[in-house]
Structures are given as C-alpha cells and as structure tokens.
Amino acid sequence: MKAAPAAKPLPTPKPAPAVKPAPAPKPARSGGGGFTTTLAALSFLLAGGAIGGVGFLWWQQQQENPVVHNAIDALEAGVADVNNGLTSARQQFTQATASQKQLQEQVAKLGGERDMLQQHLDNIEQRIVRVLEGSSRVDWMLSEAAQLVNVAERRLSLLGDVNGGLALLESAEKIVAAMDEPMARPFRQALLNDIQALRGAQGEVIDTEGLLLRINSTKRLVEALEPPRPNFKIDRVETPESVAPGTSGIELAWHKIGTFMGSLVDFQRHKQPIVGIAVDPQTRFVMQQGLLLLLDQAQLSVLRGDSSTYGLALKEVADRVERYTQSDSKTGKHLLAELKLLAEQPVKQRVPEISESLLAMHAFRDAWNQQRPAREAAARRVEAAAPSDAQQPNAQQPEASTGNQTGTSALDAAQRRLP
C-alpha cells in the first residue's frame, strides 16, 4: 500500500478591517428644557434645606437633653426631700400626740391628788375650827398621850427598855394631868400604877445596847485572829528507872527508840480531830464567817432575853477559837478573855407589862367619844345665849362686859361638870 501524501498547510487568514462606530444621534432640542432644570435644582435645594433642618433639630435636641435630665434629677431630689419632710412631720406629730396624752394623764393624776389634798386640807380646817372652839382640846391631848403609851409598850416588849418606857409613861401622865378632865382619872391612875412598877424594875435593868456593842467589838477581834501554827517539838526522852544513871546500853537504846515511836503515835492520835491548818484565804474566810454567825446568834439571844442560847453561842465560839486558831497569841488570849466576860453577863431581865394603862386608855377614849356630842351641844347653847347680854343700853355696857366674862367662865365650868 502506498503512503498517503502529506497535507498542505492552510493559508493564514487576513485580519478584517476595523469598522468605525457610527456617531450617536444628537437629541433633538425642544423649547421646555430650562424649566425642568430649574425645577430639579429647586427640588435639590428643598431637599438639602429639609436635611439641614432635621440635622439642626437633632443637634439642638442633643444639646437640650442634659439640661432636661438635670432638671428631672433636681425635681426627683426635691420630691424625695418633701417625702422625708412629710415622714419626719408624721413622726413629730405622733410624738406630740403621745406627749399630749401623757400630759393629759399627768394633769388628771394631779387633779386627783389636788382633790385629795383639798379634802385633807378641809379636814385639817375642820379640826382647827374644833380646836379653836375648845371642843377638841381633850382629843388632841388624848391622841398625844395614846401615842406615847403605844411607843412605850413597843419599847418594853421588843427591846426591854425599862428606862425608855418609864420616860414615855411619865410624859403621858403629865399630859393627862394637864387635861383637867374628871373622866380621865382612871386613865391617870393606871399610868401611875405602871410607872411605879417600872421604877421598881429599874434596879434590874440590863444595859442591852452596851452588851450588843461589846459583841460588835468582839467581832473585830475575830477578824484579826491568826491561823494555827503546828508544833512538831519532840519532848525530851527521860531515862527509865530500870536503867541506872550514866549507863548506855541496849536497854537505854531500846527505851529511846520506843519513846520516839510512841511520841509519833501520840501525835497522830490527838484527843481532838485533826483539822487542816487554815492557811489559805478561803478556809480562813469560812472559819471567820462561822464565828461571826455565832456572835450574831448571841446578839439575837440578848434581844430575846434567852440566856441559855446566849451562853451556848459564846461557848461554841471559844471552843472553835481554841481548836482552829492560834489561841495562845495576843489576839487569841484577848478574845478568849472577852468571851469569858461576856458569858458572865446576864441577859434576861424582868420587864413589867403596861397592859393596865393600855386598857384604861381605850376605855377613856370610848367614853369621851360618847360624851363629846352632848358637851359640844351644851357649849353651842351657851354661846348662843351669850350675845343677848350684849344687847343692852349703853348705860349698862360695863355690866354687860362683866356678864360676858361670867358667861365664859360659866361655859368652862359647865364643860367640866357635864357627865
């Protein structure tokens, strides 16, 4: 087979010539083109003015916002101050109302007290009028004498003060004598009887106050007591009779050993119970308080006149001082000597009763209260009749004055003679 012949190269195409664009056709001119341009420009100007006005308004609002906020804050602060003021005013009003209520209560209380004082003043005025009229002179003197008798009875029964009771009864007897009242004669007789009984008991009077003061002085010695000091001194060993003098053998050695051991046993087996040495403050305080309580019991026994309890209390104090304190010291010896002297003092005395004076006083008061209205009525009748003597002619005035004096003396005499 024959080979195919080679292909011939294709010819290069020539570039086409450039074609020039056709010129655009010019718009046709018309007669209204200037008005349209003016309207567009005016529209642009209006739009720019509107945009500028809106911007100016926005800028002015931004400038005014802080001022408005400050004004709002100031208004809110003012409202808060007003609210605080209202709250404070409410509180003040509440306090003022409470204070006013308290003042009203105080005024009402003072008004009640004023009424009571006015009533008391009226009573005093009535009593003064009665005293000036002469009808209650005996009442005042009787009240004073009764008070003296009651105080005397209390001093005798509670304190056993014979001298004080005697002085009070003597004062009451003088007041009853100054009454110049026949009805008070039994009362005065009873007072004199009790006065004689008290004078008879004066020789047996015990100085109760002085005894109580001496016990108080003894308490100061108790506070100054010293704690006990132990004595560990061993007695000297004596040579027995079975050992010849001058010898030193087994018998003497055994005797010394036995005596030493026996002394130790005797030290532990004391006749009284072994107590702790009161060296610490707490133990000493308890011991002192016990002694002081016993002395208080002795004082109470003096007031009661209980001699047995008085002696037992002082004996117990002396025993505790010897057992728990340094009794051989100067203060201990002084205290024991004082306790011995106090134990020898009598505390029971004979105190007469004044029941007769008390009964006579009550009897006289009851009788006087029953007879007083009749006496006052008689005194008023005499006073009502006295002015008739003054209504006489001038020539008889001296006689009238004499008659008035006679009527006054007759009034006093009538008051004494009335039953």
Protein backbone atom coordinates (compact mmCIF):
# COMPACT_ATOMS: atom_id res chain seq x y z
CA MET A 1 0.00 0.00 0.00
CA LYS A 2 1.12 3.41 -0.79
CA ALA A 3 1.54 6.01 1.89
CA ALA A 4 -0.89 8.94 1.95
CA PRO A 5 0.58 12.16 0.81
CA ALA A 6 1.30 14.89 3.42
CA ALA A 7 -1.36 17.55 3.98
CA LYS A 8 -0.74 21.02 2.70
CA PRO A 9 -0.67 23.90 5.20
CA LEU A 10 -3.76 26.06 5.26
CA PRO A 11 -3.28 29.71 4.33
CA THR A 12 -3.33 32.30 7.26
CA PRO A 13 -6.50 34.45 7.19
CA LYS A 14 -6.05 38.17 6.92
CA PRO A 15 -7.49 40.43 9.69
CA ALA A 16 -10.70 42.19 8.83
CA PRO A 17 -10.51 45.88 8.60
CA ALA A 18 -11.67 47.91 11.67
CA VAL A 19 -15.17 49.22 11.42
CA LYS A 20 -15.68 52.74 12.87
CA PRO A 21 -18.75 53.14 15.17
CA ALA A 22 -21.44 55.31 13.84
CA PRO A 23 -21.82 58.56 15.75
CA ALA A 24 -24.73 58.72 18.24
CA PRO A 25 -27.57 60.74 17.14
CA LYS A 26 -27.86 64.05 18.98
CA PRO A 27 -31.11 64.55 20.92
CA ALA A 28 -33.44 66.90 19.41
CA ARG A 29 -33.71 70.19 21.24
CA SER A 30 -37.04 71.37 22.46
CA GLY A 31 -38.24 74.65 23.88
CA GLY A 32 -39.07 73.45 27.67
CA GLY A 33 -35.61 72.28 28.80
CA GLY A 34 -34.81 75.32 31.06
CA PHE A 35 -37.88 74.94 33.30
CA THR A 36 -37.10 71.34 34.02
CA THR A 37 -33.58 72.21 35.07
CA THR A 38 -34.83 74.95 37.40
CA LEU A 39 -37.38 72.63 39.00
CA ALA A 40 -34.77 69.97 39.60
CA ALA A 41 -32.43 72.49 41.17
CA LEU A 42 -35.20 73.79 43.38
CA SER A 43 -36.04 70.26 44.46
CA PHE A 44 -32.43 69.64 45.34
CA LEU A 45 -32.36 72.88 47.38
CA LEU A 46 -35.54 71.98 49.27
CA ALA A 47 -34.25 68.50 49.98
CA GLY A 48 -30.94 69.94 51.29
CA GLY A 49 -32.80 72.50 53.43
CA ALA A 50 -35.00 69.76 54.88
CA ILE A 51 -31.98 67.62 55.62
CA GLY A 52 -30.23 70.62 57.24
CA GLY A 53 -33.31 71.48 59.32
CA VAL A 54 -33.62 67.89 60.53
CA GLY A 55 -29.92 67.87 61.41
CA PHE A 56 -30.24 71.17 63.26
CA LEU A 57 -33.22 69.90 65.21
CA TRP A 58 -31.35 66.71 66.07
CA TRP A 59 -28.32 68.72 67.21
CA GLN A 60 -30.49 71.07 69.32
CA GLN A 61 -32.21 68.08 70.97
CA GLN A 62 -28.85 66.54 71.77
CA GLN A 63 -27.81 69.83 73.38
CA GLU A 64 -31.01 70.14 75.45
CA ASN A 65 -31.07 66.51 76.80
CA PRO A 66 -28.51 67.06 79.69
CA VAL A 67 -30.40 70.13 80.87
CA VAL A 68 -33.67 68.20 80.91
CA HIS A 69 -32.05 65.29 82.75
CA ASN A 70 -30.57 67.66 85.33
CA ALA A 71 -33.95 69.29 85.82
CA ILE A 72 -35.61 65.88 86.23
CA ASP A 73 -32.96 64.83 88.78
CA ALA A 74 -33.46 68.08 90.70
CA LEU A 75 -37.24 67.53 90.71
CA GLU A 76 -36.83 63.95 91.94
CA ALA A 77 -34.45 65.14 94.69
CA GLY A 78 -37.00 67.79 95.69
CA VAL A 79 -39.77 65.19 95.80
CA ALA A 80 -37.57 62.94 97.98
CA ASP A 81 -36.88 65.84 100.36
CA VAL A 82 -40.60 66.60 100.54
CA ASN A 83 -41.32 62.93 101.31
CA ASN A 84 -38.66 62.89 104.04
CA GLY A 85 -40.11 66.07 105.47
CA LEU A 86 -43.58 64.55 105.48
CA THR A 87 -42.28 61.41 107.21
CA SER A 88 -40.48 63.49 109.86
CA ALA A 89 -43.60 65.61 110.31
CA ARG A 90 -45.70 62.48 110.80
CA GLN A 91 -43.25 61.18 113.39
CA GLN A 92 -43.23 64.51 115.20
CA PHE A 93 -47.00 64.59 115.12
CA THR A 94 -47.14 61.08 116.59
CA GLN A 95 -44.68 62.03 119.32
CA ALA A 96 -46.58 65.21 120.05
CA THR A 97 -49.81 63.22 120.30
CA ALA A 98 -48.22 60.75 122.72
CA SER A 99 -46.76 63.60 124.77
CA GLN A 100 -50.13 65.31 124.83
CA LYS A 101 -51.72 62.08 126.04
CA GLN A 102 -49.12 61.72 128.78
CA LEU A 103 -49.65 65.33 129.80
CA GLN A 104 -53.38 64.75 129.96
CA GLU A 105 -52.83 61.69 132.16
CA GLN A 106 -50.49 63.66 134.41
CA VAL A 107 -53.00 66.50 134.58
CA ALA A 108 -55.73 64.03 135.54
CA LYS A 109 -53.44 62.47 138.17
CA LEU A 110 -52.52 65.86 139.54
CA GLY A 111 -56.19 66.75 139.60
CA GLY A 112 -56.90 63.67 141.71
CA GLU A 113 -54.04 64.50 144.04
CA ARG A 114 -55.31 68.07 144.25
CA ASP A 115 -58.73 66.80 145.25
CA MET A 116 -57.19 64.56 147.90
CA LEU A 117 -55.09 67.43 149.24
CA GLN A 118 -58.12 69.70 149.23
CA GLN A 119 -60.08 67.12 151.17
CA HIS A 120 -57.20 66.69 153.61
CA LEU A 121 -56.98 70.47 153.96
CA ASP A 122 -60.70 70.66 154.63
CA ASN A 123 -60.34 68.04 157.34
CA ILE A 124 -57.49 69.97 158.90
CA GLU A 125 -59.50 73.16 158.78
CA GLN A 126 -62.41 71.44 160.47
CA ARG A 127 -60.12 70.13 163.18
CA ILE A 128 -58.60 73.58 163.63
CA VAL A 129 -62.08 75.06 163.96
CA ARG A 130 -62.92 72.46 166.56
CA VAL A 131 -59.73 73.24 168.44
CA LEU A 132 -60.47 76.97 168.35
CA GLU A 133 -63.96 76.30 169.62
CA GLY A 134 -62.47 74.38 172.52
CA SER A 135 -64.35 71.13 171.93
CA SER A 136 -61.39 69.00 170.80
CA ARG A 137 -58.69 70.14 173.19
CA VAL A 138 -59.05 66.87 175.04
CA ASP A 139 -58.97 64.97 171.74
CA TRP A 140 -55.55 66.34 170.85
CA MET A 141 -54.15 65.69 174.30
CA LEU A 142 -55.65 62.19 174.35
CA SER A 143 -54.12 61.37 170.96
CA GLU A 144 -50.70 62.53 172.13
CA ALA A 145 -50.91 60.54 175.37
CA ALA A 146 -52.12 57.43 173.49
CA GLN A 147 -49.18 57.69 171.09
CA LEU A 148 -46.71 57.86 173.99
CA VAL A 149 -48.30 54.83 175.69
CA ASN A 150 -48.17 52.78 172.46
CA VAL A 151 -44.50 53.61 171.86
CA ALA A 152 -43.67 52.72 175.47
CA GLU A 153 -45.39 49.35 175.09
CA ARG A 154 -43.39 48.59 171.93
CA ARG A 155 -40.07 49.52 173.51
CA LEU A 156 -40.79 47.34 176.53
CA SER A 157 -41.99 44.32 174.55
CA LEU A 158 -39.42 44.43 171.73
CA LEU A 159 -36.30 45.92 173.33
CA GLY A 160 -36.92 45.53 177.06
CA ASP A 161 -36.02 49.21 177.50
CA VAL A 162 -37.32 49.90 181.01
CA ASN A 163 -35.83 53.39 181.24
CA GLY A 164 -37.26 54.45 177.89
CA GLY A 165 -40.70 53.07 178.70
CA LEU A 166 -40.66 54.81 182.07
CA ALA A 167 -39.82 58.18 180.49
CA LEU A 168 -42.61 57.81 177.93
CA LEU A 169 -45.21 56.90 180.56
CA GLU A 170 -44.17 59.84 182.75
CA SER A 171 -44.68 62.20 179.78
CA ALA A 172 -48.11 60.67 179.10
CA GLU A 173 -49.10 61.11 182.76
CA LYS A 174 -48.20 64.82 182.63
CA ILE A 175 -50.38 65.29 179.54
CA VAL A 176 -53.33 63.52 181.17
CA ALA A 177 -52.91 65.67 184.28
CA ALA A 178 -52.96 68.82 182.10
CA MET A 179 -56.32 67.76 180.60
CA ASP A 180 -58.09 68.73 183.84
CA GLU A 181 -60.79 66.23 182.93
CA PRO A 182 -62.58 64.21 185.66
CA MET A 183 -63.28 61.36 183.25
CA ALA A 184 -59.51 60.83 182.76
CA ARG A 185 -58.93 59.98 186.42
CA PRO A 186 -58.92 56.15 185.92
CA PHE A 187 -56.53 56.55 183.00
CA ARG A 188 -54.14 58.62 185.08
CA GLN A 189 -54.35 56.13 187.96
CA ALA A 190 -53.40 53.26 185.62
CA LEU A 191 -50.44 55.27 184.30
CA LEU A 192 -49.21 55.92 187.83
CA ASN A 193 -49.50 52.23 188.72
CA ASP A 194 -47.42 51.18 185.71
CA ILE A 195 -44.88 53.94 186.44
CA GLN A 196 -44.40 52.57 189.95
CA ALA A 197 -43.89 49.06 188.55
CA LEU A 198 -41.26 50.29 186.09
CA ARG A 199 -39.44 52.22 188.78
CA GLY A 200 -39.26 49.04 190.83
CA ALA A 201 -37.67 47.21 187.89
CA GLN A 202 -35.02 49.89 187.30
CA GLY A 203 -32.59 48.17 189.68
CA GLU A 204 -32.62 45.08 187.47
CA VAL A 205 -32.05 46.94 184.24
CA ILE A 206 -29.54 45.35 181.87
CA ASP A 207 -27.54 47.52 179.51
CA THR A 208 -28.74 45.73 176.39
CA GLU A 209 -27.31 48.29 173.99
CA GLY A 210 -23.91 48.23 175.69
CA LEU A 211 -23.86 44.42 175.57
CA LEU A 212 -24.64 44.44 171.85
CA LEU A 213 -21.87 46.97 171.22
CA ARG A 214 -19.37 44.82 173.15
CA ILE A 215 -20.24 41.84 170.97
CA ASN A 216 -19.68 44.03 167.90
CA SER A 217 -16.21 44.91 169.21
CA THR A 218 -15.53 41.19 169.69
CA LYS A 219 -16.24 40.61 166.01
CA ARG A 220 -13.26 42.81 165.15
CA LEU A 221 -11.01 40.54 167.24
CA VAL A 222 -12.31 37.52 165.31
CA GLU A 223 -11.23 39.09 162.02
CA ALA A 224 -7.71 39.65 163.41
CA LEU A 225 -7.14 36.03 164.53
CA GLU A 226 -4.02 34.21 163.28
CA PRO A 227 -4.06 30.72 161.74
CA PRO A 228 -2.73 27.89 163.94
CA ARG A 229 0.95 27.05 163.83
CA PRO A 230 1.79 23.33 164.11
CA ASN A 231 4.09 22.29 166.95
CA PHE A 232 6.41 19.44 165.96
CA LYS A 233 8.62 19.69 169.06
CA ILE A 234 9.57 16.30 170.47
CA ASP A 235 9.71 16.01 174.25
CA ARG A 236 12.99 15.10 175.86
CA VAL A 237 13.46 11.37 176.37
CA GLU A 238 13.63 10.62 180.09
CA THR A 239 15.75 7.77 181.36
CA PRO A 240 13.66 4.97 182.86
CA GLU A 241 14.11 3.97 186.46
CA SER A 242 15.18 0.50 185.41
CA VAL A 243 18.26 1.94 183.70
CA ALA A 244 20.99 3.08 186.01
CA PRO A 245 22.13 6.68 185.57
CA GLY A 246 25.21 7.09 183.42
CA THR A 247 24.80 3.76 181.60
CA SER A 248 24.46 3.48 177.86
CA GLY A 249 23.48 0.02 176.87
CA ILE A 250 20.95 -1.88 174.88
CA GLU A 251 18.20 -1.20 177.39
CA LEU A 252 18.65 2.59 177.09
CA ALA A 253 18.75 2.43 173.29
CA TRP A 254 15.56 0.35 173.12
CA HIS A 255 13.91 2.75 175.56
CA LYS A 256 14.78 5.79 173.41
CA ILE A 257 13.52 4.08 170.26
CA GLY A 258 10.26 3.06 171.93
CA THR A 259 9.72 6.53 173.37
CA PHE A 260 10.31 8.15 169.97
CA MET A 261 7.89 5.80 168.21
CA GLY A 262 5.32 6.32 170.96
CA SER A 263 5.59 10.08 170.57
CA LEU A 264 4.85 9.73 166.88
CA VAL A 265 1.80 7.61 167.62
CA ASP A 266 0.57 10.12 170.21
CA PHE A 267 0.98 12.97 167.71
CA GLN A 268 -1.30 11.22 165.24
CA ARG A 269 -3.85 10.13 167.88
CA HIS A 270 -4.82 13.54 169.21
CA LYS A 271 -7.69 13.89 171.63
CA GLN A 272 -9.49 16.20 169.19
CA PRO A 273 -9.95 15.51 165.45
CA ILE A 274 -7.07 16.68 163.33
CA VAL A 275 -8.11 19.57 161.10
CA GLY A 276 -6.40 21.23 158.19
CA ILE A 277 -4.32 24.23 159.08
CA ALA A 278 -6.30 27.30 157.97
CA VAL A 279 -3.59 28.98 155.97
CA ASP A 280 -5.39 29.52 152.66
CA PRO A 281 -7.70 32.57 152.45
CA GLN A 282 -10.82 30.60 151.57
CA THR A 283 -10.61 28.32 154.61
CA ARG A 284 -9.88 31.21 156.93
CA PHE A 285 -12.82 33.16 155.48
CA VAL A 286 -15.21 30.23 156.10
CA MET A 287 -13.94 29.87 159.66
CA GLN A 288 -14.35 33.60 160.37
CA GLN A 289 -17.86 33.65 158.94
CA GLY A 290 -18.84 30.77 161.19
CA LEU A 291 -17.57 32.62 164.26
CA LEU A 292 -19.33 35.83 163.20
CA LEU A 293 -22.62 33.98 162.73
CA LEU A 294 -22.34 32.55 166.24
CA LEU A 295 -21.79 36.06 167.63
CA ASP A 296 -24.85 37.27 165.69
CA GLN A 297 -26.82 34.48 167.33
CA ALA A 298 -25.60 35.68 170.70
CA GLN A 299 -26.81 39.22 169.91
CA LEU A 300 -30.22 37.90 168.91
CA SER A 301 -30.37 35.96 172.18
CA VAL A 302 -29.66 39.18 174.05
CA LEU A 303 -32.62 40.86 172.38
CA ARG A 304 -34.85 37.90 173.17
CA GLY A 305 -33.57 37.51 176.72
CA ASP A 306 -32.61 33.86 176.04
CA SER A 307 -29.73 33.24 178.43
CA SER A 308 -29.26 29.55 177.53
CA THR A 309 -28.81 30.18 173.80
CA TYR A 310 -26.58 33.15 174.60
CA GLY A 311 -24.23 31.04 176.74
CA LEU A 312 -24.11 28.16 174.24
CA ALA A 313 -23.24 30.51 171.36
CA LEU A 314 -20.35 32.13 173.25
CA LYS A 315 -19.07 28.71 174.43
CA GLU A 316 -19.04 27.42 170.84
CA VAL A 317 -17.10 30.50 169.73
CA ALA A 318 -14.47 29.92 172.45
CA ASP A 319 -14.14 26.21 171.52
CA ARG A 320 -13.62 26.99 167.83
CA VAL A 321 -11.07 29.67 168.62
CA GLU A 322 -9.05 27.21 170.72
CA ARG A 323 -9.35 24.44 168.13
CA TYR A 324 -8.91 26.19 164.78
CA THR A 325 -6.82 29.30 165.55
CA GLN A 326 -3.63 30.27 167.33
CA SER A 327 -5.28 30.70 170.72
CA ASP A 328 -2.02 31.37 172.58
CA SER A 329 -1.34 34.54 170.57
CA LYS A 330 -2.05 38.01 171.97
CA THR A 331 -5.24 38.42 169.95
CA GLY A 332 -6.42 34.91 170.80
CA LYS A 333 -5.89 35.38 174.55
CA HIS A 334 -7.70 38.74 174.42
CA LEU A 335 -10.62 37.22 172.53
CA LEU A 336 -10.97 34.30 174.94
CA ALA A 337 -10.89 36.64 177.93
CA GLU A 338 -13.55 38.87 176.36
CA LEU A 339 -15.76 35.86 175.60
CA LYS A 340 -15.46 34.73 179.22
CA LEU A 341 -16.53 38.17 180.48
CA LEU A 342 -19.45 38.28 178.04
CA ALA A 343 -20.62 34.84 179.16
CA GLU A 344 -20.85 36.11 182.75
CA GLN A 345 -23.19 38.98 181.79
CA PRO A 346 -26.91 38.41 182.47
CA VAL A 347 -29.21 38.87 179.51
CA LYS A 348 -32.64 38.15 180.98
CA GLN A 349 -34.38 40.85 182.98
CA ARG A 350 -37.82 41.38 184.43
CA VAL A 351 -39.83 43.73 182.24
CA PRO A 352 -43.18 44.79 183.72
CA GLU A 353 -46.22 44.97 181.46
CA ILE A 354 -48.26 48.14 180.98
CA SER A 355 -51.48 46.45 179.92
CA GLU A 356 -53.39 48.35 182.64
CA SER A 357 -52.51 51.69 181.01
CA LEU A 358 -53.49 50.42 177.56
CA LEU A 359 -56.90 49.19 178.75
CA ALA A 360 -57.58 52.41 180.68
CA MET A 361 -56.59 54.49 177.64
CA HIS A 362 -59.04 52.67 175.36
CA ALA A 363 -61.81 52.89 177.96
CA PHE A 364 -61.33 56.64 178.38
CA ARG A 365 -61.29 57.20 174.62
CA ASP A 366 -64.57 55.31 174.14
CA ALA A 367 -66.26 57.17 176.98
CA TRP A 368 -65.02 60.53 175.72
CA ASN A 369 -66.26 59.87 172.17
CA GLN A 370 -69.70 59.05 173.57
CA GLN A 371 -69.92 62.19 175.74
CA ARG A 372 -68.40 64.63 173.27
CA PRO A 373 -71.56 65.36 171.19
CA ALA A 374 -73.53 66.31 174.31
CA ARG A 375 -70.75 68.60 175.51
CA GLU A 376 -70.46 70.30 172.14
CA ALA A 377 -74.21 70.88 172.04
CA ALA A 378 -74.14 72.41 175.53
CA ALA A 379 -71.25 74.67 174.52
CA ARG A 380 -73.16 75.87 171.46
CA ARG A 381 -76.23 76.65 173.57
CA VAL A 382 -74.14 78.70 175.99
CA GLU A 383 -72.52 80.59 173.10
CA ALA A 384 -75.94 81.27 171.53
CA ALA A 385 -77.21 82.76 174.80
CA ALA A 386 -74.13 84.95 175.33
CA PRO A 387 -74.94 87.68 172.65
CA SER A 388 -78.29 88.52 174.37
CA ASP A 389 -76.38 90.00 177.27
CA ALA A 390 -74.57 92.38 174.90
CA GLN A 391 -77.85 93.87 173.50
CA GLN A 392 -78.43 96.20 176.45
CA PRO A 393 -78.46 100.05 176.78
CA ASN A 394 -75.21 101.91 176.68
CA ALA A 395 -75.51 102.72 180.33
CA GLN A 396 -75.30 99.06 181.18
CA GLN A 397 -72.27 98.23 178.99
CA PRO A 398 -69.85 97.69 181.88
CA GLU A 399 -72.29 95.29 183.41
CA ALA A 400 -72.69 93.53 180.07
CA SER A 401 -68.94 93.03 179.74
CA THR A 402 -68.88 91.66 183.25
CA GLY A 403 -71.75 89.35 182.33
CA ASN A 404 -69.83 88.11 179.27
CA GLN A 405 -66.82 87.24 181.38
CA THR A 406 -69.11 85.47 183.80
CA GLY A 407 -70.73 83.57 180.91
CA THR A 408 -67.29 82.47 179.60
CA SER A 409 -66.25 81.16 182.97
CA ALA A 410 -69.65 79.50 183.32
CA LEU A 411 -69.04 77.81 179.95
CA ASP A 412 -65.77 76.30 181.15
CA ALA A 413 -67.40 75.22 184.39
CA ALA A 414 -70.34 73.68 182.53
CA GLN A 415 -68.00 71.71 180.29
CA ARG A 416 -66.26 70.26 183.35
CA ARG A 417 -69.49 69.44 185.19
CA LEU A 418 -71.23 67.70 182.32
CA PRO A 419 -71.22 63.90 182.66
